[in-house]
Each structure stands twice: as structure tokens, then as C-alpha cells.
Protein backbone atom coordinates (compact mmCIF):
# COMPACT_ATOMS: atom_id res chain seq x y z
CA MET A 1 76.09 178.62 99.16
CA ALA A 2 76.69 174.88 98.73
CA PHE A 3 73.69 172.55 98.68
CA GLU A 4 74.64 170.92 101.99
CA ASP A 5 75.08 174.33 103.62
CA LEU A 6 71.58 175.33 102.51
CA LEU A 7 70.05 172.49 104.51
CA GLU A 8 72.10 173.38 107.61
CA ASP A 9 70.98 177.03 107.59
CA PRO A 10 68.33 177.55 110.32
CA VAL A 11 66.57 180.21 108.22
CA ILE A 12 66.20 177.76 105.35
CA GLN A 13 65.10 175.01 107.73
CA LYS A 14 62.39 177.32 109.07
CA TYR A 15 61.38 178.32 105.54
CA LEU A 16 60.99 174.66 104.53
CA HIS A 17 59.09 173.92 107.74
CA GLU A 18 56.70 176.81 107.06
CA LEU A 19 56.09 175.46 103.56
CA VAL A 20 55.56 171.76 104.22
CA GLY A 21 54.70 171.63 107.93
CA PRO A 22 55.89 169.09 110.48
CA LYS A 23 54.61 166.03 108.58
CA GLY A 24 56.37 167.06 105.39
CA MET A 25 59.59 168.20 107.00
CA PRO A 26 61.32 164.79 106.83
CA VAL A 27 60.78 164.89 103.04
CA ALA A 28 62.05 168.45 102.69
CA ALA A 29 64.96 168.17 105.13
CA ALA A 30 66.72 165.20 103.57
CA PRO A 31 66.32 165.31 99.81
CA PRO A 32 67.99 162.42 98.02
CA ASP A 33 70.44 162.90 95.18
CA GLY A 34 68.92 162.34 91.78
CA GLU A 35 65.42 161.13 91.06
CA VAL A 36 63.17 159.33 93.49
CA THR A 37 59.55 158.16 93.54
CA ASP A 38 57.06 159.19 96.17
CA GLU A 39 56.67 155.53 97.16
CA GLU A 40 60.43 155.18 97.68
CA LEU A 41 60.49 158.30 99.85
CA ALA A 42 57.54 157.12 101.93
CA GLU A 43 59.17 153.75 102.53
CA GLU A 44 62.63 155.17 103.20
CA LEU A 45 61.32 157.80 105.65
CA GLY A 46 58.60 155.65 107.23
CA LEU A 47 55.89 158.16 106.32
CA GLU A 48 52.36 157.91 104.99
CA LEU A 49 52.33 158.14 101.19
CA ASN A 50 49.77 160.97 101.29
CA ASP A 51 52.03 163.05 103.56
CA VAL A 52 54.96 162.53 101.19
CA ARG A 53 52.86 163.44 98.16
CA ARG A 54 51.51 166.55 99.87
CA ALA A 55 55.06 167.72 100.75
CA LEU A 56 56.30 167.01 97.22
CA PHE A 57 53.42 168.94 95.68
CA ILE A 58 54.05 171.94 97.96
CA LEU A 59 57.74 171.87 97.04
CA TYR A 60 56.75 171.62 93.37
CA GLU A 61 54.37 174.61 93.69
CA ASN A 62 57.23 176.63 95.14
CA ASP A 63 59.71 175.64 92.41
CA LEU A 64 61.75 173.55 94.83
CA ALA A 65 61.01 170.20 93.21
CA SER A 66 60.26 168.96 89.73
CA TYR A 67 59.10 165.66 88.32
CA ARG A 68 59.02 163.68 85.15
CA ARG A 69 56.45 161.05 84.29
CA LEU A 70 57.18 157.56 83.06
CA ARG A 71 54.43 155.32 81.71
CA ASP A 72 54.79 151.58 82.30
CA GLU A 73 54.41 149.93 78.89
CA ASP A 74 52.60 146.87 80.28
CA SER A 75 50.25 148.33 82.90
CA GLY A 76 49.90 151.89 81.62
CA TRP A 77 50.56 153.15 85.15
CA LEU A 78 52.31 156.48 85.52
CA THR A 79 55.35 156.77 87.76
CA TYR A 80 56.53 160.18 88.89
CA LEU A 81 60.25 160.66 89.39
CA TRP A 82 60.96 163.62 91.65
CA THR A 83 64.05 165.81 91.74
CA PHE A 84 64.71 168.40 94.42
CA GLU A 85 65.83 171.84 93.25
CA TYR A 86 66.89 173.72 96.35
CA GLN A 87 69.26 176.05 94.51
CA ASN A 88 66.20 178.37 94.17
CA ILE A 89 65.78 178.84 97.93
CA PRO A 90 68.05 181.89 98.44
CA GLU A 91 66.35 183.74 95.59
CA GLN A 92 62.88 182.84 96.94
CA LEU A 93 63.80 183.97 100.44
CA GLU A 94 64.97 187.28 99.03
CA GLU A 95 61.65 187.69 97.22
CA GLU A 96 59.80 186.92 100.47
CA MET A 97 61.86 189.54 102.27
CA GLU A 98 61.08 192.10 99.57
CA ARG A 99 57.35 191.36 99.90
CA LEU A 100 57.64 191.71 103.67
CA LEU A 101 59.50 195.00 103.32
CA GLU A 102 56.83 196.39 100.99
CA ALA A 103 54.02 195.23 103.31
CA LEU A 104 55.74 196.73 106.35
CA ASP A 105 56.24 200.03 104.57
CA GLU A 106 52.59 200.07 103.49
CA ARG A 107 51.44 199.30 107.05
CA ARG A 108 53.75 201.97 108.45
CA ARG A 109 52.22 204.56 106.13
CA TYR A 110 48.73 203.44 107.22
CA GLU A 111 49.68 203.83 110.88
CA LEU A 112 51.08 207.32 110.23
CA ASP A 113 48.09 208.45 108.18
CA HIS A 114 45.40 207.45 110.69
CA GLU A 115 44.41 208.35 114.22
CA PHE A 116 43.31 205.51 116.48
CA TYR A 117 41.18 205.08 119.59
CA LEU A 118 41.25 202.12 121.92
CA CYS A 119 38.78 200.46 124.23
CA GLU A 120 41.16 199.45 126.99
CA HIS A 121 38.58 197.05 128.45
CA CYS A 122 38.06 195.02 125.24
CA GLY A 123 41.41 195.78 123.61
CA ILE A 124 39.67 196.79 120.38
CA ARG A 125 41.24 199.50 118.26
CA PHE A 126 39.18 201.85 116.12
CA GLU A 127 40.09 204.39 113.47
CA PHE A 128 39.01 207.94 114.25
CA GLY A 129 35.98 207.79 111.91
CA GLU A 130 34.71 204.58 113.48
CA ALA A 131 35.28 205.90 116.99
CA MET A 132 33.39 209.07 116.13
CA GLU A 133 30.45 207.03 114.73
CA PHE A 134 30.21 205.23 118.06
CA GLY A 135 30.45 208.48 120.02
CA PHE A 136 33.86 207.32 121.32
CA GLU A 137 32.11 204.54 123.27
CA CYS A 138 32.98 200.91 122.65
CA PRO A 139 30.10 199.17 120.84
CA ASP A 140 30.88 195.93 122.69
CA CYS A 141 31.09 197.10 126.31
CA GLY A 142 30.08 200.78 126.32
CA ASN A 143 33.34 201.97 127.93
CA GLN A 144 34.89 205.24 126.82
CA MET A 145 37.55 204.94 124.10
CA GLU A 146 40.91 206.57 124.66
CA SER A 147 43.18 208.15 122.08
CA MET A 148 45.83 205.60 121.19
CA GLU A 149 49.47 206.50 120.67
CA ASN A 150 51.10 204.25 118.06
CA THR A 151 54.59 205.77 118.06
CA ALA A 152 56.18 202.64 119.55
CA LEU A 153 54.61 200.50 116.82
CA VAL A 154 55.78 202.87 114.06
CA ASP A 155 59.26 202.99 115.60
CA ALA A 156 59.42 199.18 115.66
CA MET A 157 58.34 199.10 112.01
CA ASP A 158 60.98 201.71 111.12
CA GLU A 159 63.64 199.56 112.76
CA ARG A 160 62.50 196.40 110.97
CA ILE A 161 62.25 198.27 107.64
CA ASP A 162 65.80 199.59 108.11
CA ASP A 163 67.09 196.09 108.93
CA LEU A 164 65.39 194.52 105.91
CA SER A 165 66.52 197.35 103.62
CA ASP A 166 70.11 196.88 104.78
CA GLU A 167 69.94 193.11 104.40
CA LEU A 168 68.48 193.40 100.89
CA ASN A 169 70.78 196.31 100.07
CA VAL A 170 67.85 198.40 98.78
CA ASP A 171 66.48 201.84 99.42
CA ILE A 172 62.81 201.59 100.47
CA ASP A 173 62.05 204.51 98.13
CA GLU A 174 63.22 202.34 95.21
CA LEU A 175 60.62 199.67 96.06
CA GLU A 176 57.82 202.25 96.15
CA ALA A 177 58.64 203.50 92.65
């Protein structure tokens, strides 16, 4: 995927937005070619310097930006020259999807391995052991708990797991190994 196409992709736009938030999005959405200082970005984008620095640091933490330091010979001041490295985004999104797939599979197994009870009045869900400890009465309101069917939730997880597995071209059993 070409660099320009990356920035047009709504999934990548959302990913960047989730990372840097609304204040940092102008920094993330329009990276300049080559090196740039945080002060130059702040001035060019009309943003507070702290917001620009925060966004740059988040991008750096996520391997989407790098910097090099230059020391001014006269003043001793350090200048940071930033470079954006968005070629890593597709790989990072794939890693995020793999983590999501593993978490969904783990949660699915939890849902299948446990029996749940619900206080319909409070909307609180209890595992069987907890419900039994409370005599199947809600500790908050005293109403009787009802056995909760979670088949629809498990089915929704199965569907999402299948979709992610297909998209990643993996077998969920491979991830568990």
C-alpha cells in the first residue's frame, strides 16, 4: 500500500485517532516529508506545542515516528528532528487484530465454561458460585436471580472470531498453540 493510500484508509485514520486523540490527529493525519521540528509542526498546524509533542511521543512509542537530536554549538540547546514512519502501520494493525482474536477466543472459552445468573432489576451478572453464595438473591436489591443464557453472546463471538481468522488467514487453533 502506498504511503498516500495509507492515510486515506478509514481504518488507518481510526487507528491513528485512537492513538493520538482529537488534539493530536492534525499531527498524525498530515505528516510532512522528511524531518521536521515540533515547533515547526505546531506553527504550521496552528496547535499548542504541548499537543504536538504529546502526539509525536505517542507516535514514537508506537514505532510510527523517530527523531534525531541536534545540539546547537552556541547555545547547547537540543533540537529534535522528527520523521514519520507510517510504513509500519499495516503490520501493527495485523498484530492488534491477532491480539483481539486471542482475547475473543479466551473470552469465548470463559463464557462456555461458566454458568451465569442475572439480576434483571440491576442488570448485574454473577457466575454460578457467586450466585450460590448469595442464595440466588441479588446483594444490591434482593431480587431473585435468573439463569442467564449466553448463547447469543457466544454466537456473536464465534462470528467475529471467524471473520478475524479469515481476514488474518489463520486457524484459531494455531494461535492457541
